[in-house]
Amino acid sequence: MNAHPSILHTGFKEEGVKYRVKGQVTSTPLISRERLTTLHGCDNQYNHVNQTDQEVEEEEEEEDNLQDGVVSMPKEKEKEKENNITWIKIMMMMINTMMMMMVSMINLFNQLVDGKDSANISIKFIIFVLFNFVNLTVIGHVGKNELAAVALGNTWQIATSAFTLGGLSAMDTLISQAYGAKQFQLIGITVQRAFIIVIIINILVSILWSNTENILLLCRQDKEISALAQQYTIYMIPGLCFGSFIGVFQKYLQAQGIMAPVIIVGLISNVLNAILNYIFVYGIGMKPMGVVGCALSTSISKAVGFFILLAWILIFKLHQRPIKTWYGFTWDTFSLKDFKEYIVLCIPSGLQLLFETWGFEVLTIMAGLLNAASLDAHSITMNFNLLNIMLPYSLSVAVSIRIGQLLGSGHPERARKSAKVSMFIITIIVILGVIFQLASRYQVGKVYSTDPQVIELVANLVPLSALSKVFDGYQVTCQGMLRGVGKNSLGAILHFGSFYLVGLPLAGVLTFVNIIPPIDHTVFGLWWGLNGGFIYVVCRIDWYKEMINAFERTDSSVCPTNFNSDSFIGDDDKTTNNIQDMNLLAKESILE
C-alpha cells in the first residue's frame, strides 16, 4: 500500500533531505520515528537514504533530550574532547617513563668510570630532539596532510642540516684533544673557525630550503603536501641559524665538562616551543597558523635559547672560568694550514652524517610513494626511534670526547678502560630501550595522530624499530670510539656500506618488488631493509680489531700537529713527554 501523496506536505519546512517511505522517495524533513509512525502508520518501514542508522539514532536521542529539557554536548565534541585528554595523558605517561629511565641510567653512569658525562649528554640530546617531537604531536591533531607536510619538512631539514652538523663534528676531536693537552688558546680559535664554517654552510642550506616544494615534487610527492612543507621549511630557516650557533656553544662547553647551561637552556626552549605551538597552531586568541605556526614556534624558541646561552657564558664568564679558553678574536683563526686541518676532520664526519641521515630520509621518500597513512606511520615511528637513539648517540659523543681527552693528556690505559666501560653501558641501554619500545607500542601512535589506520600501522612498526636500535646502538657507540682517535673516515665508509650497498637496495626490493606478499607495497618492507643494513654492518665488522688497527695507524695525528709536546703532563709511570712516545704507548696499551 502506497502512502497518500498528501502526507508529503504536512506543514514542515522542506530541507531537501530524502526519505524512503514504503518504496516512495519523499522530501519530508527528519522527524522522530514515533512522529513518522503516527503520520503514516508505517513503523519500521522507512529508511534515510543519506544517513547511517547510527546518525539517525543520535539525532533521535538528541531530540528526546530536548523534549526532556536536557541539553547535551554533541557526541562529536565529546569524542574530540576525550581524544584530546587521552593523547595528553599518554604523552605525559611516556615522558614520565622516559624520565624514570633517565634517572636510572644517570645513577648507573655515575657509578661507572666517566659515566656522568654520558648521562648529561644524554639529557642534552633528548632535550634538543624534543623540538620535532612536539611539532609532530601538535600538528598531527590538525590534519593528516599537515602531519605529512611537517614530517616531509623535517625529513628535508634533517637531510640538509647534516652539512651543518658535519661542520661542527671536528670540534669534538679538536677541542677535547686541545683541552687534554692543555692548549687552551686553541679551543677559542677552534670555536671561531666553527662559527665561520657554519655561517657559510647555513647560507647554502637556506637556498635549498627555499626550494623545498620543487625538490619534493621531483621526488613525486603529493603537490598539496609539498606546498605545505615549503611553508614549514621557509619559516624554519631562522631556527637553522640559531640552532647551529647553539651547537657551536654546546660543543665548546661539553668538551670542557660544562653541561648545566646547555641542559637548562634546552629545557627553557622546549617549554617555550610547546607553548608557542599551542598558541600559533591552534590559534589561541588569533587566527590558526597551522604548519607556519609550528615552524615559527621552533625558530623563536631557538633564537631565545641562543641569546640566553650567550648571556650565560658572558655573565658567568664560562669562557674564563674555571680555565681561560677564550683569548679574543685573532688572525690565527684564518690560517689556511689550520683551516685545512679542521676541514679534513669535518669532511669524513660530515659524510658519515650525510650517509646516515640521507639513508633515513630516502626511506621517508619511499614511504611517501605508498600512501599518506604509510608516510605518517613511518614518520611517527622514525621520530619515536630518534628519541630512543639519543642515549646510544650521547654515549658515542661522550666516549669520543673522553678518549680524545685521555689520549691528549697521555693516559692511553684509561682511554682503553673507557672504551670497555662504554660497551657494557650500551648493552644495558639497548635492553632498556627495547623493553620501553615494546611496552609503549600501542600508545605511540595515539600521541601523534587520531587516525585509527595510522595508529595500527605504528603499533606494528615499533617492534621493527626496536630491533633496529639493538644493532644501531652498538655501531654508533663503536664509531664514537673511532672518532676519539681521529679515525673519522672509517665511520663514513661503514655508513655508506650499511645504508647504500645493503639497507636501501634491500628496502626497495622488499617494498616495491613482489617477493614476499605480506610486506609487498607496504611500509614494513622499508623497515626490514633498514634492519638488514644495520645487521650487516654490526655482524660483518670486527669492531675490536678495527679499534686496535686505528691505534696502530695512529701517529702524530692523534693530537693536532701544532700542539706543544711539553704540555703533556701525566701522573702515570708510563707518562711521556713527547708526541711520538705517547702514541707508541697508546699502541702498546691497546694491544695488551
Protein backbone atom coordinates (compact mmCIF):
# COMPACT_ATOMS: atom_id res chain seq x y z
CA MET A 1 0.00 0.00 0.00
CA ASN A 2 1.48 3.35 -1.07
CA ALA A 3 1.38 6.38 1.16
CA HIS A 4 -1.11 9.05 0.22
CA PRO A 5 0.57 11.97 -1.58
CA SER A 6 -0.97 14.44 0.84
CA ILE A 7 1.20 13.20 3.65
CA LEU A 8 4.24 14.56 1.82
CA HIS A 9 3.12 18.08 2.77
CA THR A 10 2.40 18.19 6.47
CA GLY A 11 3.40 21.75 7.17
CA PHE A 12 7.03 21.01 7.92
CA LYS A 13 9.77 23.04 6.26
CA GLU A 14 11.42 21.10 3.47
CA GLU A 15 15.22 20.85 3.62
CA GLY A 16 15.90 18.68 0.59
CA VAL A 17 16.57 15.59 2.71
CA LYS A 18 15.28 12.41 1.09
CA TYR A 19 13.38 9.63 2.84
CA ARG A 20 12.08 6.35 1.58
CA VAL A 21 8.60 5.50 2.83
CA LYS A 22 7.20 2.18 1.57
CA GLY A 23 9.18 2.48 -1.65
CA GLN A 24 8.43 6.20 -2.27
CA VAL A 25 11.14 8.85 -2.01
CA THR A 26 9.94 11.95 -0.18
CA SER A 27 11.47 15.28 0.81
CA THR A 28 9.96 15.27 4.29
CA PRO A 29 12.35 16.72 6.87
CA LEU A 30 13.82 14.49 9.53
CA ILE A 31 11.39 13.77 12.39
CA SER A 32 11.30 11.13 15.07
CA ARG A 33 10.30 7.53 14.40
CA GLU A 34 7.18 7.91 16.59
CA ARG A 35 6.00 11.05 14.73
CA LEU A 36 6.52 9.41 11.34
CA THR A 37 4.65 6.33 12.51
CA THR A 38 1.72 8.47 13.65
CA LEU A 39 1.51 10.28 10.32
CA HIS A 40 1.99 7.30 8.05
CA GLY A 41 1.25 4.23 10.09
CA CYS A 42 4.35 2.59 8.73
CA ASP A 43 6.64 1.83 11.65
CA ASN A 44 9.97 0.18 10.75
CA GLN A 45 9.25 0.72 7.02
CA TYR A 46 11.32 3.82 6.33
CA ASN A 47 14.97 4.33 5.62
CA HIS A 48 17.00 7.53 5.47
CA VAL A 49 18.96 7.46 2.23
CA ASN A 50 21.81 9.79 3.14
CA GLN A 51 22.28 9.00 6.85
CA THR A 52 23.51 5.92 8.66
CA ASP A 53 21.43 4.22 11.35
CA GLN A 54 23.88 5.44 13.98
CA GLU A 55 23.45 9.06 12.90
CA VAL A 56 19.65 8.72 12.91
CA GLU A 57 19.73 7.23 16.42
CA GLU A 58 22.00 10.04 17.64
CA GLU A 59 19.61 12.68 16.30
CA GLU A 60 16.61 10.87 17.84
CA GLU A 61 18.41 10.76 21.17
CA GLU A 62 19.22 14.45 20.91
CA GLU A 63 15.54 15.22 20.16
CA ASP A 64 14.44 13.18 23.19
CA ASN A 65 16.88 15.10 25.36
CA LEU A 66 15.47 18.39 24.12
CA GLN A 67 11.93 17.23 24.89
CA ASP A 68 13.05 16.28 28.40
CA GLY A 69 14.72 19.67 28.86
CA VAL A 70 18.20 18.15 28.78
CA VAL A 71 20.85 19.90 26.69
CA SER A 72 23.75 17.54 25.99
CA MET A 73 27.10 18.14 24.31
CA PRO A 74 27.21 16.76 20.74
CA LYS A 75 28.88 13.38 20.64
CA GLU A 76 31.47 14.51 18.13
CA LYS A 77 32.64 17.21 20.53
CA GLU A 78 32.58 14.73 23.40
CA LYS A 79 34.76 12.35 21.40
CA GLU A 80 37.10 15.15 20.38
CA LYS A 81 37.45 16.27 24.00
CA GLU A 82 38.00 12.68 25.10
CA ASN A 83 40.67 12.17 22.42
CA ASN A 84 42.48 15.36 23.44
CA ILE A 85 42.52 14.29 27.09
CA THR A 86 43.64 10.78 26.12
CA TRP A 87 46.64 11.76 24.00
CA ILE A 88 47.78 14.30 26.60
CA LYS A 89 47.66 11.59 29.27
CA ILE A 90 49.56 9.21 27.00
CA MET A 91 52.22 11.80 26.23
CA MET A 92 52.68 12.60 29.93
CA MET A 93 52.92 8.89 30.69
CA MET A 94 55.61 8.42 28.03
CA ILE A 95 57.60 11.45 29.19
CA ASN A 96 57.36 10.24 32.79
CA THR A 97 58.58 6.79 31.76
CA MET A 98 61.48 8.27 29.82
CA MET A 99 62.47 10.47 32.76
CA MET A 100 62.45 7.46 35.09
CA MET A 101 64.68 5.64 32.62
CA MET A 102 66.98 8.66 32.52
CA VAL A 103 67.24 8.78 36.33
CA SER A 104 68.11 5.08 36.41
CA MET A 105 70.73 5.50 33.71
CA ILE A 106 72.26 8.54 35.44
CA ASN A 107 72.59 6.54 38.67
CA LEU A 108 74.27 3.75 36.73
CA PHE A 109 76.58 6.08 34.81
CA ASN A 110 77.68 7.86 37.97
CA GLN A 111 78.81 4.51 39.41
CA LEU A 112 80.98 3.80 36.36
CA VAL A 113 84.09 5.48 35.05
CA ASP A 114 83.33 8.87 33.46
CA GLY A 115 79.65 7.99 33.37
CA LYS A 116 78.22 11.34 34.38
CA ASP A 117 79.49 12.96 31.18
CA SER A 118 77.48 10.49 29.13
CA ALA A 119 74.39 10.92 31.28
CA ASN A 120 74.49 14.70 30.95
CA ILE A 121 74.98 14.48 27.19
CA SER A 122 72.04 12.04 27.04
CA ILE A 123 69.76 14.56 28.70
CA LYS A 124 71.01 17.29 26.38
CA PHE A 125 70.34 15.28 23.21
CA ILE A 126 66.89 14.18 24.34
CA ILE A 127 66.00 17.79 25.16
CA PHE A 128 67.01 19.07 21.74
CA VAL A 129 65.33 16.26 19.80
CA LEU A 130 62.05 17.07 21.57
CA PHE A 131 61.54 20.02 19.19
CA ASN A 132 60.48 17.71 16.36
CA PHE A 133 58.58 15.50 18.80
CA VAL A 134 56.44 18.44 19.97
CA ASN A 135 55.96 19.75 16.42
CA LEU A 136 54.65 16.42 15.15
CA THR A 137 52.38 15.76 18.13
CA VAL A 138 50.75 19.20 17.90
CA ILE A 139 50.33 19.33 14.12
CA GLY A 140 49.21 15.69 14.00
CA HIS A 141 45.91 16.68 15.62
CA VAL A 142 45.24 19.33 12.97
CA GLY A 143 45.05 17.06 9.94
CA LYS A 144 46.62 14.19 8.03
CA ASN A 145 48.07 16.42 5.30
CA GLU A 146 49.56 18.82 7.84
CA LEU A 147 51.21 15.92 9.68
CA ALA A 148 52.60 14.55 6.42
CA ALA A 149 53.87 18.03 5.43
CA VAL A 150 55.72 18.57 8.72
CA ALA A 151 57.11 15.03 8.52
CA LEU A 152 58.42 15.64 4.99
CA GLY A 153 59.67 19.08 6.01
CA ASN A 154 61.59 17.57 8.91
CA THR A 155 62.95 14.92 6.56
CA TRP A 156 64.31 17.52 4.16
CA GLN A 157 65.66 19.66 7.01
CA ILE A 158 67.48 16.78 8.67
CA ALA A 159 68.93 15.63 5.36
CA THR A 160 70.32 19.08 4.52
CA SER A 161 71.26 20.20 8.03
CA ALA A 162 73.63 17.23 8.11
CA PHE A 163 76.02 19.58 6.29
CA THR A 164 75.87 21.93 9.28
CA LEU A 165 76.33 19.12 11.79
CA GLY A 166 79.27 17.89 9.76
CA GLY A 167 80.81 21.35 10.04
CA LEU A 168 80.57 21.05 13.82
CA SER A 169 81.81 17.47 14.09
CA ALA A 170 85.53 18.36 14.03
CA MET A 171 85.05 20.27 17.29
CA ASP A 172 84.62 17.00 19.24
CA THR A 173 88.08 15.83 18.25
CA LEU A 174 89.99 19.14 18.22
CA ILE A 175 88.61 20.72 21.40
CA SER A 176 88.77 17.54 23.52
CA GLN A 177 92.37 16.86 22.49
CA ALA A 178 93.34 20.53 22.95
CA TYR A 179 91.77 20.51 26.42
CA GLY A 180 93.56 17.30 27.36
CA ALA A 181 96.88 18.69 26.08
CA LYS A 182 96.30 21.98 27.96
CA GLN A 183 96.49 24.01 24.75
CA PHE A 184 93.59 26.20 25.85
CA GLN A 185 94.13 29.02 23.36
CA LEU A 186 93.45 26.56 20.53
CA ILE A 187 89.97 25.95 21.96
CA GLY A 188 88.89 29.55 21.36
CA ILE A 189 90.43 29.54 17.88
CA THR A 190 88.56 26.32 17.02
CA VAL A 191 85.29 27.92 18.13
CA GLN A 192 85.91 30.90 15.83
CA ARG A 193 86.59 28.60 12.88
CA ALA A 194 83.43 26.63 13.65
CA PHE A 195 81.32 29.79 13.52
CA ILE A 196 82.79 30.74 10.14
CA ILE A 197 82.16 27.27 8.74
CA VAL A 198 78.52 27.01 9.92
CA ILE A 199 77.63 30.50 8.66
CA ILE A 200 78.84 29.60 5.17
CA ILE A 201 77.03 26.25 5.27
CA ASN A 202 73.81 27.83 6.58
CA ILE A 203 73.67 30.20 3.61
CA LEU A 204 73.88 27.26 1.20
CA VAL A 205 71.34 25.18 3.16
CA SER A 206 68.90 28.12 3.29
CA ILE A 207 68.92 28.23 -0.51
CA LEU A 208 67.99 24.54 -0.58
CA TRP A 209 65.21 25.07 1.96
CA SER A 210 63.78 27.87 -0.17
CA ASN A 211 63.22 25.33 -2.96
CA THR A 212 61.68 22.57 -0.85
CA GLU A 213 58.45 22.31 -2.86
CA ASN A 214 60.20 21.89 -6.22
CA ILE A 215 62.57 19.28 -4.83
CA LEU A 216 59.75 17.27 -3.22
CA LEU A 217 57.76 17.38 -6.45
CA LEU A 218 60.79 15.99 -8.27
CA CYS A 219 60.64 13.13 -5.77
CA ARG A 220 57.00 12.53 -6.85
CA GLN A 221 55.46 13.65 -3.57
CA ASP A 222 51.89 14.95 -3.27
CA LYS A 223 51.51 18.53 -4.57
CA GLU A 224 49.42 19.85 -1.66
CA ILE A 225 51.67 18.26 0.95
CA SER A 226 54.78 19.60 -0.82
CA ALA A 227 53.36 23.14 -0.79
CA LEU A 228 52.69 22.90 2.96
CA ALA A 229 56.19 21.52 3.53
CA GLN A 230 57.59 24.54 1.65
CA GLN A 231 55.81 26.92 4.04
CA TYR A 232 57.11 24.96 7.00
CA THR A 233 60.77 24.96 5.93
CA ILE A 234 60.82 28.64 4.92
CA TYR A 235 59.87 29.72 8.45
CA MET A 236 62.36 27.25 9.93
CA ILE A 237 65.38 28.99 8.34
CA PRO A 238 65.95 31.32 11.37
CA GLY A 239 65.78 28.22 13.57
CA LEU A 240 68.51 26.61 11.43
CA CYS A 241 70.87 29.53 12.04
CA PHE A 242 70.27 29.93 15.77
CA GLY A 243 70.25 26.16 16.29
CA SER A 244 73.68 25.80 14.66
CA PHE A 245 75.06 28.64 16.80
CA ILE A 246 73.77 26.83 19.89
CA GLY A 247 75.53 23.73 18.54
CA VAL A 248 78.87 25.56 18.49
CA PHE A 249 78.42 26.70 22.09
CA GLN A 250 77.29 23.29 23.32
CA LYS A 251 80.33 21.51 21.83
CA TYR A 252 82.58 24.24 23.23
CA LEU A 253 81.14 23.74 26.72
CA GLN A 254 80.68 19.96 26.74
CA ALA A 255 84.32 19.34 25.73
CA GLN A 256 85.24 21.15 28.98
CA GLY A 257 82.71 19.17 31.01
CA ILE A 258 80.30 22.13 31.41
CA MET A 259 76.80 20.78 30.74
CA ALA A 260 74.33 22.59 33.03
CA PRO A 261 73.82 25.72 30.86
CA VAL A 262 73.10 23.67 27.74
CA ILE A 263 70.58 21.46 29.54
CA ILE A 264 68.76 24.35 31.25
CA VAL A 265 68.60 26.42 28.05
CA GLY A 266 67.30 23.36 26.22
CA LEU A 267 64.53 22.90 28.78
CA ILE A 268 63.53 26.57 28.56
CA SER A 269 63.48 26.45 24.75
CA ASN A 270 61.35 23.30 24.69
CA VAL A 271 58.79 24.67 27.13
CA LEU A 272 58.57 27.86 25.09
CA ASN A 273 58.27 25.84 21.87
CA ALA A 274 55.37 23.79 23.28
CA ILE A 275 53.51 26.91 24.47
CA LEU A 276 54.01 28.80 21.21
CA ASN A 277 52.99 25.72 19.19
CA TYR A 278 49.72 25.53 21.05
CA ILE A 279 49.07 29.26 20.56
CA PHE A 280 50.16 29.59 16.93
CA VAL A 281 48.95 26.27 15.51
CA TYR A 282 45.52 26.20 17.15
CA GLY A 283 45.07 29.99 17.12
CA ILE A 284 44.59 30.89 20.78
CA GLY A 285 43.40 34.50 20.62
CA MET A 286 44.42 34.73 16.99
CA LYS A 287 43.91 33.09 13.61
CA PRO A 288 45.24 29.49 13.47
CA MET A 289 48.55 29.40 11.59
CA GLY A 290 48.89 25.64 11.03
CA VAL A 291 52.30 24.48 9.77
CA VAL A 292 53.60 28.06 9.63
CA GLY A 293 52.86 28.49 13.34
CA CYS A 294 54.65 25.22 14.03
CA ALA A 295 57.83 26.44 12.30
CA LEU A 296 57.68 29.93 13.83
CA SER A 297 57.41 28.41 17.31
CA THR A 298 60.62 26.44 16.85
CA SER A 299 62.54 29.33 15.26
CA ILE A 300 61.57 31.77 18.02
CA SER A 301 62.38 29.21 20.73
CA LYS A 302 65.85 28.51 19.31
CA ALA A 303 66.57 32.23 18.95
CA VAL A 304 65.63 32.81 22.59
CA GLY A 305 67.74 29.81 23.61
CA PHE A 306 70.79 31.15 21.76
CA PHE A 307 70.66 34.58 23.39
CA ILE A 308 70.11 33.06 26.85
CA LEU A 309 73.12 30.74 26.39
CA LEU A 310 75.30 33.60 25.10
CA ALA A 311 74.30 35.78 28.07
CA TRP A 312 75.01 32.87 30.45
CA ILE A 313 78.53 32.42 29.06
CA LEU A 314 79.30 36.15 29.31
CA ILE A 315 77.70 36.84 32.70
CA PHE A 316 79.19 33.80 34.46
CA LYS A 317 82.43 34.11 32.45
CA LEU A 318 82.42 30.47 31.36
CA HIS A 319 84.99 31.40 28.71
CA GLN A 320 87.42 32.33 31.51
CA ARG A 321 86.44 30.02 34.36
CA PRO A 322 87.49 27.52 35.56
CA ILE A 323 90.12 27.82 32.79
CA LYS A 324 90.57 30.65 30.33
CA THR A 325 89.78 29.26 26.89
CA TRP A 326 88.92 32.47 25.02
CA TYR A 327 91.69 34.93 24.18
CA GLY A 328 89.68 37.11 21.83
CA PHE A 329 89.50 37.19 18.07
CA THR A 330 92.77 36.54 16.30
CA TRP A 331 94.05 36.38 12.74
CA ASP A 332 95.39 32.89 13.53
CA THR A 333 91.81 31.75 13.03
CA PHE A 334 92.22 32.31 9.29
CA SER A 335 95.41 30.27 8.98
CA LEU A 336 94.97 28.21 5.81
CA LYS A 337 97.02 25.35 7.21
CA ASP A 338 94.91 25.06 10.35
CA PHE A 339 91.67 25.59 8.44
CA LYS A 340 92.70 22.69 6.22
CA GLU A 341 93.19 20.52 9.32
CA TYR A 342 89.70 21.46 10.54
CA ILE A 343 88.10 20.76 7.16
CA VAL A 344 89.96 17.44 6.79
CA LEU A 345 88.31 16.28 10.02
CA CYS A 346 84.94 17.77 9.02
CA ILE A 347 84.64 16.04 5.65
CA PRO A 348 84.60 12.39 6.82
CA SER A 349 82.37 13.20 9.81
CA GLY A 350 80.07 15.22 7.58
CA LEU A 351 79.93 12.42 5.02
CA GLN A 352 79.13 9.95 7.79
CA LEU A 353 76.23 12.11 8.94
CA LEU A 354 75.09 12.61 5.35
CA PHE A 355 75.15 8.90 4.60
CA GLU A 356 73.17 8.13 7.75
CA THR A 357 70.61 10.95 7.57
CA TRP A 358 70.11 10.71 3.82
CA GLY A 359 69.61 6.99 4.17
CA PHE A 360 66.79 7.57 6.65
CA GLU A 361 65.30 10.34 4.53
CA VAL A 362 65.32 8.24 1.35
CA LEU A 363 63.25 5.72 3.30
CA THR A 364 60.79 8.51 4.14
CA ILE A 365 60.57 9.50 0.47
CA MET A 366 59.86 5.84 -0.37
CA ALA A 367 57.10 5.79 2.25
CA GLY A 368 55.59 8.87 0.61
CA LEU A 369 55.29 6.90 -2.65
CA LEU A 370 52.94 4.43 -0.94
CA ASN A 371 50.14 6.48 0.65
CA ALA A 372 49.54 9.19 3.26
CA ALA A 373 48.89 6.71 6.07
CA SER A 374 52.16 4.87 5.38
CA LEU A 375 54.08 8.15 5.30
CA ASP A 376 52.52 9.28 8.59
CA ALA A 377 53.16 5.94 10.30
CA HIS A 378 56.75 5.75 9.05
CA SER A 379 57.48 9.34 10.13
CA ILE A 380 55.96 8.79 13.57
CA THR A 381 57.96 5.60 14.09
CA MET A 382 61.14 7.28 12.87
CA ASN A 383 60.60 10.22 15.23
CA PHE A 384 59.97 7.86 18.14
CA ASN A 385 63.05 5.95 17.03
CA LEU A 386 65.07 9.15 17.15
CA LEU A 387 64.09 9.69 20.78
CA ASN A 388 65.34 6.21 21.65
CA ILE A 389 68.66 6.51 19.80
CA MET A 390 69.60 9.59 21.81
CA LEU A 391 71.04 7.55 24.68
CA PRO A 392 73.37 5.48 22.43
CA TYR A 393 74.29 8.56 20.41
CA SER A 394 75.07 10.61 23.51
CA LEU A 395 77.20 7.75 24.84
CA SER A 396 79.02 7.78 21.50
CA VAL A 397 79.78 11.50 21.84
CA ALA A 398 80.84 11.08 25.48
CA VAL A 399 83.26 8.24 24.75
CA SER A 400 84.63 10.16 21.76
CA ILE A 401 85.36 13.20 23.93
CA ARG A 402 86.75 11.13 26.79
CA ILE A 403 89.10 9.06 24.64
CA GLY A 404 90.32 12.22 22.92
CA GLN A 405 90.99 13.92 26.27
CA LEU A 406 92.81 10.91 27.72
CA LEU A 407 94.99 10.40 24.66
CA GLY A 408 95.71 14.13 24.55
CA SER A 409 96.86 14.08 28.18
CA GLY A 410 98.93 10.90 27.78
CA HIS A 411 96.67 8.33 29.50
CA PRO A 412 96.04 5.59 26.91
CA GLU A 413 95.35 2.93 29.54
CA ARG A 414 92.43 4.94 30.90
CA ALA A 415 91.23 5.52 27.32
CA ARG A 416 91.13 1.77 26.85
CA LYS A 417 89.18 1.36 30.09
CA SER A 418 86.63 3.98 28.99
CA ALA A 419 86.11 2.10 25.73
CA LYS A 420 85.39 -1.14 27.61
CA VAL A 421 83.00 0.55 30.05
CA SER A 422 81.08 2.13 27.18
CA MET A 423 80.40 -1.30 25.65
CA PHE A 424 78.97 -2.50 28.96
CA ILE A 425 76.77 0.59 29.23
CA ILE A 426 75.43 0.32 25.67
CA THR A 427 74.35 -3.26 26.37
CA ILE A 428 72.18 -2.06 29.25
CA ILE A 429 70.86 0.86 27.19
CA VAL A 430 69.68 -1.28 24.27
CA ILE A 431 67.97 -3.76 26.61
CA LEU A 432 66.06 -0.98 28.38
CA GLY A 433 65.29 0.66 25.04
CA VAL A 434 63.74 -2.49 23.59
CA ILE A 435 61.62 -3.02 26.71
CA PHE A 436 60.41 0.58 26.61
CA GLN A 437 59.52 0.48 22.91
CA LEU A 438 57.64 -2.81 23.11
CA ALA A 439 55.75 -1.71 26.23
CA SER A 440 54.57 1.52 24.58
CA ARG A 441 53.96 0.26 21.03
CA TYR A 442 50.16 0.62 21.23
CA GLN A 443 50.33 4.10 22.72
CA VAL A 444 52.90 5.79 20.47
CA GLY A 445 50.59 6.38 17.52
CA LYS A 446 47.91 7.93 19.74
CA VAL A 447 50.33 10.64 20.84
CA TYR A 448 50.86 11.83 17.27
CA SER A 449 47.58 11.08 15.49
CA THR A 450 43.90 10.18 15.90
CA ASP A 451 43.69 8.22 12.64
CA PRO A 452 42.99 4.53 13.53
CA GLN A 453 44.84 3.26 10.44
CA VAL A 454 47.96 5.25 11.31
CA ILE A 455 47.84 4.16 14.97
CA GLU A 456 47.61 0.49 13.97
CA LEU A 457 50.48 0.79 11.48
CA VAL A 458 52.69 2.45 14.09
CA ALA A 459 51.95 -0.31 16.62
CA ASN A 460 53.11 -2.89 14.08
CA LEU A 461 56.22 -0.91 13.10
CA VAL A 462 57.54 -0.30 16.62
CA PRO A 463 58.90 -3.88 17.09
CA LEU A 464 60.93 -3.44 13.90
CA SER A 465 62.14 -0.11 15.25
CA ALA A 466 63.22 -1.80 18.49
CA LEU A 467 65.18 -4.40 16.52
CA SER A 468 66.99 -1.69 14.56
CA LYS A 469 68.07 0.06 17.75
CA VAL A 470 69.84 -3.03 19.06
CA PHE A 471 72.29 -3.09 16.15
CA ASP A 472 72.34 0.67 15.57
CA GLY A 473 73.18 1.32 19.22
CA TYR A 474 76.30 -0.85 19.08
CA GLN A 475 77.62 0.54 15.82
CA VAL A 476 77.01 4.16 16.90
CA THR A 477 78.98 3.62 20.12
CA CYS A 478 81.87 1.89 18.33
CA GLN A 479 82.09 4.72 15.83
CA GLY A 480 82.35 7.17 18.72
CA MET A 481 85.49 5.33 19.84
CA LEU A 482 86.96 5.67 16.35
CA ARG A 483 86.22 9.41 16.34
CA GLY A 484 88.09 9.70 19.64
CA VAL A 485 91.33 8.59 17.96
CA GLY A 486 90.67 10.78 14.92
CA LYS A 487 89.73 7.97 12.50
CA ASN A 488 86.51 9.55 11.28
CA SER A 489 86.88 8.31 7.70
CA LEU A 490 86.35 4.67 8.69
CA GLY A 491 82.92 5.52 10.13
CA ALA A 492 81.93 7.24 6.88
CA ILE A 493 82.90 4.17 4.85
CA LEU A 494 80.94 1.86 7.14
CA HIS A 495 77.83 4.05 6.99
CA PHE A 496 77.98 4.17 3.22
CA GLY A 497 78.18 0.40 3.02
CA SER A 498 75.41 -0.31 5.52
CA PHE A 499 72.90 2.13 4.01
CA TYR A 500 73.61 2.35 0.31
CA LEU A 501 75.02 -1.08 -0.51
CA VAL A 502 72.72 -3.13 1.73
CA GLY A 503 69.91 -1.29 3.56
CA LEU A 504 68.33 0.90 0.87
CA PRO A 505 68.51 -1.61 -2.02
CA LEU A 506 67.03 -4.29 0.24
CA ALA A 507 64.27 -1.90 1.38
CA GLY A 508 63.40 -1.00 -2.21
CA VAL A 509 63.23 -4.63 -3.30
CA LEU A 510 61.15 -5.77 -0.32
CA THR A 511 58.73 -2.85 -0.72
CA PHE A 512 58.22 -2.43 -4.46
CA VAL A 513 59.03 -5.88 -5.89
CA ASN A 514 56.57 -8.73 -5.39
CA ILE A 515 58.82 -11.11 -3.48
CA ILE A 516 57.25 -11.55 -0.04
CA PRO A 517 53.46 -10.98 -0.33
CA PRO A 518 52.79 -9.92 3.30
CA ILE A 519 55.13 -6.92 3.01
CA ASP A 520 54.84 -6.10 -0.71
CA HIS A 521 53.97 -2.43 -1.26
CA THR A 522 53.83 -1.79 2.49
CA VAL A 523 55.94 0.32 4.82
CA PHE A 524 57.12 -2.87 6.59
CA GLY A 525 59.43 -3.67 3.68
CA LEU A 526 61.28 -0.40 4.29
CA TRP A 527 62.00 -1.26 7.90
CA TRP A 528 63.11 -4.81 7.16
CA GLY A 529 65.56 -3.35 4.65
CA LEU A 530 66.84 -0.85 7.23
CA ASN A 531 67.39 -3.63 9.74
CA GLY A 532 69.23 -5.63 7.11
CA GLY A 533 71.76 -2.81 6.72
CA PHE A 534 72.34 -2.49 10.48
CA ILE A 535 72.68 -6.25 10.95
CA TYR A 536 75.23 -6.38 8.14
CA VAL A 537 77.47 -3.62 9.47
CA VAL A 538 77.45 -5.00 13.05
CA CYS A 539 77.94 -8.67 12.21
CA ARG A 540 80.44 -8.28 9.37
CA ILE A 541 82.77 -5.79 11.07
CA ASP A 542 85.19 -6.83 13.84
CA TRP A 543 84.90 -3.63 15.84
CA TYR A 544 87.53 -4.53 18.42
CA LYS A 545 90.00 -5.33 15.66
CA GLU A 546 89.21 -2.02 13.98
CA MET A 547 89.90 -0.20 17.24
CA ILE A 548 93.29 -1.92 17.52
CA ASN A 549 94.08 -1.09 13.90
CA ALA A 550 93.05 2.51 14.48
CA PHE A 551 95.51 2.85 17.35
CA GLU A 552 98.22 1.10 15.35
CA ARG A 553 97.71 3.55 12.49
CA THR A 554 97.55 6.50 14.89
CA ASP A 555 100.67 8.60 14.54
CA SER A 556 101.10 12.23 15.48
CA SER A 557 97.56 12.71 14.12
CA VAL A 558 96.18 11.66 17.49
CA CYS A 559 96.85 15.22 18.57
CA PRO A 560 96.87 18.35 16.42
CA THR A 561 100.33 18.83 14.94
CA ASN A 562 100.71 22.30 16.39
CA PHE A 563 100.45 21.11 19.98
CA ASN A 564 103.42 21.68 22.24
CA SER A 565 104.80 18.33 23.38
CA ASP A 566 105.99 19.87 26.67
CA SER A 567 102.35 20.30 27.72
CA PHE A 568 101.71 16.56 28.04
CA ILE A 569 101.97 16.06 31.78
CA GLY A 570 100.59 12.86 33.30
CA ASP A 571 100.68 11.09 36.65
CA ASP A 572 101.23 7.52 35.37
CA ASP A 573 104.58 5.72 35.45
CA LYS A 574 104.26 5.47 31.68
CA THR A 575 103.85 9.21 31.19
CA THR A 576 105.72 10.50 28.16
CA ASN A 577 106.93 13.97 27.34
CA ASN A 578 106.68 13.89 23.56
CA ILE A 579 104.03 13.05 20.99
CA GLN A 580 105.90 10.14 19.42
CA ASP A 581 106.37 8.29 22.72
CA MET A 582 102.74 8.98 23.69
CA ASN A 583 101.43 7.35 20.51
CA LEU A 584 103.73 4.35 20.94
CA LEU A 585 102.39 3.95 24.46
CA ALA A 586 98.83 4.11 23.14
CA LYS A 587 99.52 1.30 20.69
CA GLU A 588 101.12 -0.92 23.34
CA SER A 589 98.31 -0.31 25.82
CA ILE A 590 95.54 -1.18 23.38
CA LEU A 591 97.37 -4.25 22.09
CA GLU A 592 97.87 -5.72 25.58
